[in-house]
Amino acid sequence: MRALVQRVSEARVRVLGAGGEEPVAQVVGQVLGEIGPGLCVLVGVTHTDDEAVARRVAEKLWHLRIFDDADGVMNHSLAEVGGQILVVSQFTLYGDTRKGRRPSWVAAAPPEQAEPLVEAVVAALTDLGAHVATGRFRADMAVELVNDGPVTLLVEV
């Protein structure tokens, strides 16, 4: 599992259109999830991931020390600062661009496997005490954020 983590002062996800067969016309343009200061996290799932990996990712995100202390040193975690977290599924994190010009998606888990694992990350974060907002799985979305720092990290578990 991969998580692209950005420390943000604010972030939101808005539905642009349907993905797959589920109609989303009633929510096109609406904000699905929105947070203030915290983390915007894009989560990619691969074939070997399971619920134990999802829990480890959630714990890593919750305890990742990337928020400034009084001296301006990244010494505090989301758990300590009480920030919020926006989690958005992102299969393209497993795009392989080493050959040719078109990414290969072979390493990305199929939606039937990925969706429950992204939900497991969200559930584990909620159990840890996080205020979690999310996007909508398989929808065409716009993620809007203000990167604070900027701080961007790739977390792999």
C-alpha atoms as a PDB file:
ATOM      1  CA  MET A   1       0.000   0.000   0.000  1.00  0.00           C
ATOM      2  CA  ARG A   2       1.208   3.463  -0.858  1.00  0.00           C
ATOM      3  CA  ALA A   3       0.079   6.733   0.624  1.00  0.00           C
ATOM      4  CA  LEU A   4       1.040  10.106  -0.793  1.00  0.00           C
ATOM      5  CA  VAL A   5       0.834  12.400   2.233  1.00  0.00           C
ATOM      6  CA  GLN A   6       0.610  16.175   2.067  1.00  0.00           C
ATOM      7  CA  ARG A   7       0.521  18.422   5.118  1.00  0.00           C
ATOM      8  CA  VAL A   8      -2.225  20.945   4.390  1.00  0.00           C
ATOM      9  CA  SER A   9      -3.812  24.032   5.860  1.00  0.00           C
ATOM     10  CA  GLU A  10      -7.049  22.981   4.120  1.00  0.00           C
ATOM     11  CA  ALA A  11      -8.254  20.412   1.595  1.00  0.00           C
ATOM     12  CA  ARG A  12     -11.458  19.255  -0.037  1.00  0.00           C
ATOM     13  CA  VAL A  13     -12.636  16.754  -2.612  1.00  0.00           C
ATOM     14  CA  ARG A  14     -15.417  17.481  -5.066  1.00  0.00           C
ATOM     15  CA  VAL A  15     -17.199  15.049  -7.419  1.00  0.00           C
ATOM     16  CA  LEU A  16     -16.834  15.876 -11.099  1.00  0.00           C
ATOM     17  CA  GLY A  17     -18.613  12.850 -12.558  1.00  0.00           C
ATOM     18  CA  ALA A  18     -19.419   9.178 -12.316  1.00  0.00           C
ATOM     19  CA  GLY A  19     -16.865   6.448 -12.321  1.00  0.00           C
ATOM     20  CA  GLY A  20     -17.988   2.921 -13.076  1.00  0.00           C
ATOM     21  CA  GLU A  21     -21.697   2.221 -13.287  1.00  0.00           C
ATOM     22  CA  GLU A  22     -22.989   4.005 -10.189  1.00  0.00           C
ATOM     23  CA  PRO A  23     -24.900   7.214 -10.983  1.00  0.00           C
ATOM     24  CA  VAL A  24     -23.639  10.279  -9.126  1.00  0.00           C
ATOM     25  CA  ALA A  25     -25.504  12.994 -11.024  1.00  0.00           C
ATOM     26  CA  GLN A  26     -27.166  14.178  -7.836  1.00  0.00           C
ATOM     27  CA  VAL A  27     -23.782  15.064  -6.295  1.00  0.00           C
ATOM     28  CA  VAL A  28     -21.772  16.313  -9.273  1.00  0.00           C
ATOM     29  CA  GLY A  29     -19.991  19.485  -8.167  1.00  0.00           C
ATOM     30  CA  GLN A  30     -20.719  18.938  -4.491  1.00  0.00           C
ATOM     31  CA  VAL A  31     -17.984  18.776  -1.878  1.00  0.00           C
ATOM     32  CA  LEU A  32     -17.823  15.257  -0.446  1.00  0.00           C
ATOM     33  CA  GLY A  33     -15.121  15.747   2.129  1.00  0.00           C
ATOM     34  CA  GLU A  34     -13.417  18.808   3.540  1.00  0.00           C
ATOM     35  CA  ILE A  35     -10.828  19.433   6.245  1.00  0.00           C
ATOM     36  CA  GLY A  36      -8.943  22.263   7.867  1.00  0.00           C
ATOM     37  CA  PRO A  37      -5.322  21.860   9.012  1.00  0.00           C
ATOM     38  CA  GLY A  38      -4.079  18.282   8.782  1.00  0.00           C
ATOM     39  CA  LEU A  39      -3.192  15.750   6.122  1.00  0.00           C
ATOM     40  CA  CYS A  40      -4.454  15.094   2.610  1.00  0.00           C
ATOM     41  CA  VAL A  41      -3.667  11.464   1.820  1.00  0.00           C
ATOM     42  CA  LEU A  42      -3.965   9.711  -1.535  1.00  0.00           C
ATOM     43  CA  VAL A  43      -4.057   5.939  -0.970  1.00  0.00           C
ATOM     44  CA  GLY A  44      -3.075   3.300  -3.541  1.00  0.00           C
ATOM     45  CA  VAL A  45      -3.661  -0.411  -3.048  1.00  0.00           C
ATOM     46  CA  THR A  46      -1.741  -3.285  -4.649  1.00  0.00           C
ATOM     47  CA  HIS A  47      -2.579  -7.006  -4.956  1.00  0.00           C
ATOM     48  CA  THR A  48      -0.698  -8.177  -1.848  1.00  0.00           C
ATOM     49  CA  ASP A  49      -2.334  -5.703   0.553  1.00  0.00           C
ATOM     50  CA  ASP A  50      -4.716  -6.836   3.280  1.00  0.00           C
ATOM     51  CA  GLU A  51      -6.434  -5.433   6.388  1.00  0.00           C
ATOM     52  CA  ALA A  52      -3.253  -5.738   8.472  1.00  0.00           C
ATOM     53  CA  VAL A  53      -1.440  -3.509   5.966  1.00  0.00           C
ATOM     54  CA  ALA A  54      -4.346  -1.043   6.043  1.00  0.00           C
ATOM     55  CA  ARG A  55      -4.081  -0.833   9.859  1.00  0.00           C
ATOM     56  CA  ARG A  56      -0.306  -0.279   9.677  1.00  0.00           C
ATOM     57  CA  VAL A  57      -0.779   2.532   7.156  1.00  0.00           C
ATOM     58  CA  ALA A  58      -3.390   4.177   9.387  1.00  0.00           C
ATOM     59  CA  GLU A  59      -1.111   3.960  12.434  1.00  0.00           C
ATOM     60  CA  LYS A  60       1.822   5.351  10.446  1.00  0.00           C
ATOM     61  CA  LEU A  61      -0.294   8.297   9.233  1.00  0.00           C
ATOM     62  CA  TRP A  62      -1.662   8.989  12.724  1.00  0.00           C
ATOM     63  CA  HIS A  63       1.799   8.988  14.333  1.00  0.00           C
ATOM     64  CA  LEU A  64       3.893  10.499  11.505  1.00  0.00           C
ATOM     65  CA  ARG A  65       5.794  13.432  13.039  1.00  0.00           C
ATOM     66  CA  ILE A  66       5.498  16.112  10.345  1.00  0.00           C
ATOM     67  CA  PHE A  67       3.892  18.984  12.240  1.00  0.00           C
ATOM     68  CA  ASP A  68       5.996  21.762  13.710  1.00  0.00           C
ATOM     69  CA  ASP A  69       6.681  22.139  17.408  1.00  0.00           C
ATOM     70  CA  ALA A  70       7.230  25.505  19.102  1.00  0.00           C
ATOM     71  CA  ASP A  71      10.761  25.641  17.651  1.00  0.00           C
ATOM     72  CA  GLY A  72       9.590  25.028  14.082  1.00  0.00           C
ATOM     73  CA  VAL A  73      10.904  21.447  14.031  1.00  0.00           C
ATOM     74  CA  MET A  74       8.725  18.672  12.571  1.00  0.00           C
ATOM     75  CA  ASN A  75       8.247  16.918  15.875  1.00  0.00           C
ATOM     76  CA  HIS A  76       4.490  16.434  16.301  1.00  0.00           C
ATOM     77  CA  SER A  77       2.042  13.956  14.834  1.00  0.00           C
ATOM     78  CA  LEU A  78      -1.570  14.280  13.766  1.00  0.00           C
ATOM     79  CA  ALA A  79      -2.458  12.521  17.025  1.00  0.00           C
ATOM     80  CA  GLU A  80      -0.704  15.276  18.996  1.00  0.00           C
ATOM     81  CA  VAL A  81      -1.930  18.331  17.086  1.00  0.00           C
ATOM     82  CA  GLY A  82      -5.522  17.161  16.675  1.00  0.00           C
ATOM     83  CA  GLY A  83      -5.556  17.819  12.941  1.00  0.00           C
ATOM     84  CA  GLN A  84      -7.908  16.325  10.411  1.00  0.00           C
ATOM     85  CA  ILE A  85      -7.278  13.911   7.546  1.00  0.00           C
ATOM     86  CA  LEU A  86      -8.755  13.667   4.059  1.00  0.00           C
ATOM     87  CA  VAL A  87      -8.368  10.184   2.521  1.00  0.00           C
ATOM     88  CA  VAL A  88      -8.831   9.738  -1.228  1.00  0.00           C
ATOM     89  CA  SER A  89      -8.406   6.465  -3.117  1.00  0.00           C
ATOM     90  CA  GLN A  90      -5.800   6.804  -5.885  1.00  0.00           C
ATOM     91  CA  PHE A  91      -5.069   3.709  -7.998  1.00  0.00           C
ATOM     92  CA  THR A  92      -2.651   5.711 -10.166  1.00  0.00           C
ATOM     93  CA  LEU A  93      -0.073   5.606  -7.338  1.00  0.00           C
ATOM     94  CA  TYR A  94       0.723   2.139  -8.690  1.00  0.00           C
ATOM     95  CA  GLY A  95       1.172   3.316 -12.274  1.00  0.00           C
ATOM     96  CA  ASP A  96       4.400   1.976 -13.756  1.00  0.00           C
ATOM     97  CA  THR A  97       6.039   4.421 -16.178  1.00  0.00           C
ATOM     98  CA  ARG A  98       9.386   2.670 -16.651  1.00  0.00           C
ATOM     99  CA  LYS A  99       8.568   1.477 -20.177  1.00  0.00           C
ATOM    100  CA  GLY A 100       6.920   3.354 -23.009  1.00  0.00           C
ATOM    101  CA  ARG A 101       4.738   6.413 -22.707  1.00  0.00           C
ATOM    102  CA  ARG A 102       1.557   4.945 -21.290  1.00  0.00           C
ATOM    103  CA  PRO A 103       1.518   3.898 -17.631  1.00  0.00           C
ATOM    104  CA  SER A 104       0.821   0.274 -16.803  1.00  0.00           C
ATOM    105  CA  TRP A 105      -1.762  -0.327 -14.075  1.00  0.00           C
ATOM    106  CA  VAL A 106      -0.869  -3.995 -13.527  1.00  0.00           C
ATOM    107  CA  ALA A 107       0.355  -3.390  -9.958  1.00  0.00           C
ATOM    108  CA  ALA A 108      -2.854  -1.621  -8.899  1.00  0.00           C
ATOM    109  CA  ALA A 109      -5.390  -3.811  -7.107  1.00  0.00           C
ATOM    110  CA  PRO A 110      -8.790  -4.221  -8.770  1.00  0.00           C
ATOM    111  CA  PRO A 111     -11.575  -2.015  -7.376  1.00  0.00           C
ATOM    112  CA  GLU A 112     -13.258  -4.968  -5.643  1.00  0.00           C
ATOM    113  CA  GLN A 113     -10.116  -5.508  -3.574  1.00  0.00           C
ATOM    114  CA  ALA A 114      -9.053  -1.878  -3.189  1.00  0.00           C
ATOM    115  CA  GLU A 115     -12.302  -0.304  -1.982  1.00  0.00           C
ATOM    116  CA  PRO A 116     -12.659  -2.344   1.242  1.00  0.00           C
ATOM    117  CA  LEU A 117      -8.976  -1.780   2.038  1.00  0.00           C
ATOM    118  CA  VAL A 118      -9.233   2.000   1.635  1.00  0.00           C
ATOM    119  CA  GLU A 119     -12.325   1.808   3.858  1.00  0.00           C
ATOM    120  CA  ALA A 120     -10.243  -0.214   6.358  1.00  0.00           C
ATOM    121  CA  VAL A 121      -7.660   2.597   6.472  1.00  0.00           C
ATOM    122  CA  VAL A 122     -10.455   5.105   7.147  1.00  0.00           C
ATOM    123  CA  ALA A 123     -11.988   2.874   9.850  1.00  0.00           C
ATOM    124  CA  ALA A 124      -8.618   2.366  11.553  1.00  0.00           C
ATOM    125  CA  LEU A 125      -7.919   6.117  11.528  1.00  0.00           C
ATOM    126  CA  THR A 126     -11.360   6.760  13.014  1.00  0.00           C
ATOM    127  CA  ASP A 127     -10.710   4.133  15.713  1.00  0.00           C
ATOM    128  CA  LEU A 128      -7.451   5.914  16.554  1.00  0.00           C
ATOM    129  CA  GLY A 129      -9.382   9.145  17.103  1.00  0.00           C
ATOM    130  CA  ALA A 130      -8.887  10.959  13.806  1.00  0.00           C
ATOM    131  CA  HIS A 131     -11.483  13.233  12.229  1.00  0.00           C
ATOM    132  CA  VAL A 132     -11.589  11.684   8.730  1.00  0.00           C
ATOM    133  CA  ALA A 133     -13.178  12.983   5.537  1.00  0.00           C
ATOM    134  CA  THR A 134     -13.196  11.001   2.294  1.00  0.00           C
ATOM    135  CA  GLY A 135     -13.829  11.126  -1.396  1.00  0.00           C
ATOM    136  CA  ARG A 136     -16.103   8.750  -3.299  1.00  0.00           C
ATOM    137  CA  PHE A 137     -14.607   5.539  -4.610  1.00  0.00           C
ATOM    138  CA  ARG A 138     -14.522   5.266  -8.436  1.00  0.00           C
ATOM    139  CA  ALA A 139     -15.853   8.793  -8.963  1.00  0.00           C
ATOM    140  CA  ASP A 140     -14.094  11.390 -11.085  1.00  0.00           C
ATOM    141  CA  MET A 141     -12.974  13.876  -8.434  1.00  0.00           C
ATOM    142  CA  ALA A 142     -11.189  17.181  -8.043  1.00  0.00           C
ATOM    143  CA  VAL A 143      -8.917  17.368  -5.006  1.00  0.00           C
ATOM    144  CA  GLU A 144      -8.262  20.939  -3.896  1.00  0.00           C
ATOM    145  CA  LEU A 145      -5.629  21.634  -1.259  1.00  0.00           C
ATOM    146  CA  VAL A 146      -3.258  24.174   0.160  1.00  0.00           C
ATOM    147  CA  ASN A 147       0.019  22.355   0.828  1.00  0.00           C
ATOM    148  CA  ASP A 148       1.554  23.622   4.067  1.00  0.00           C
ATOM    149  CA  GLY A 149       5.340  23.839   3.950  1.00  0.00           C
ATOM    150  CA  PRO A 150       5.206  22.379   1.375  1.00  0.00           C
ATOM    151  CA  VAL A 151       5.482  18.966   2.980  1.00  0.00           C
ATOM    152  CA  THR A 152       4.852  15.901   0.775  1.00  0.00           C
ATOM    153  CA  LEU A 153       5.915  12.337   1.628  1.00  0.00           C
ATOM    154  CA  LEU A 154       5.451   8.912   0.095  1.00  0.00           C
ATOM    155  CA  VAL A 155       4.626   6.297   2.712  1.00  0.00           C
ATOM    156  CA  GLU A 156       4.905   2.624   1.775  1.00  0.00           C
ATOM    157  CA  VAL A 157       4.019  -0.219   4.131  1.00  0.00           C
END
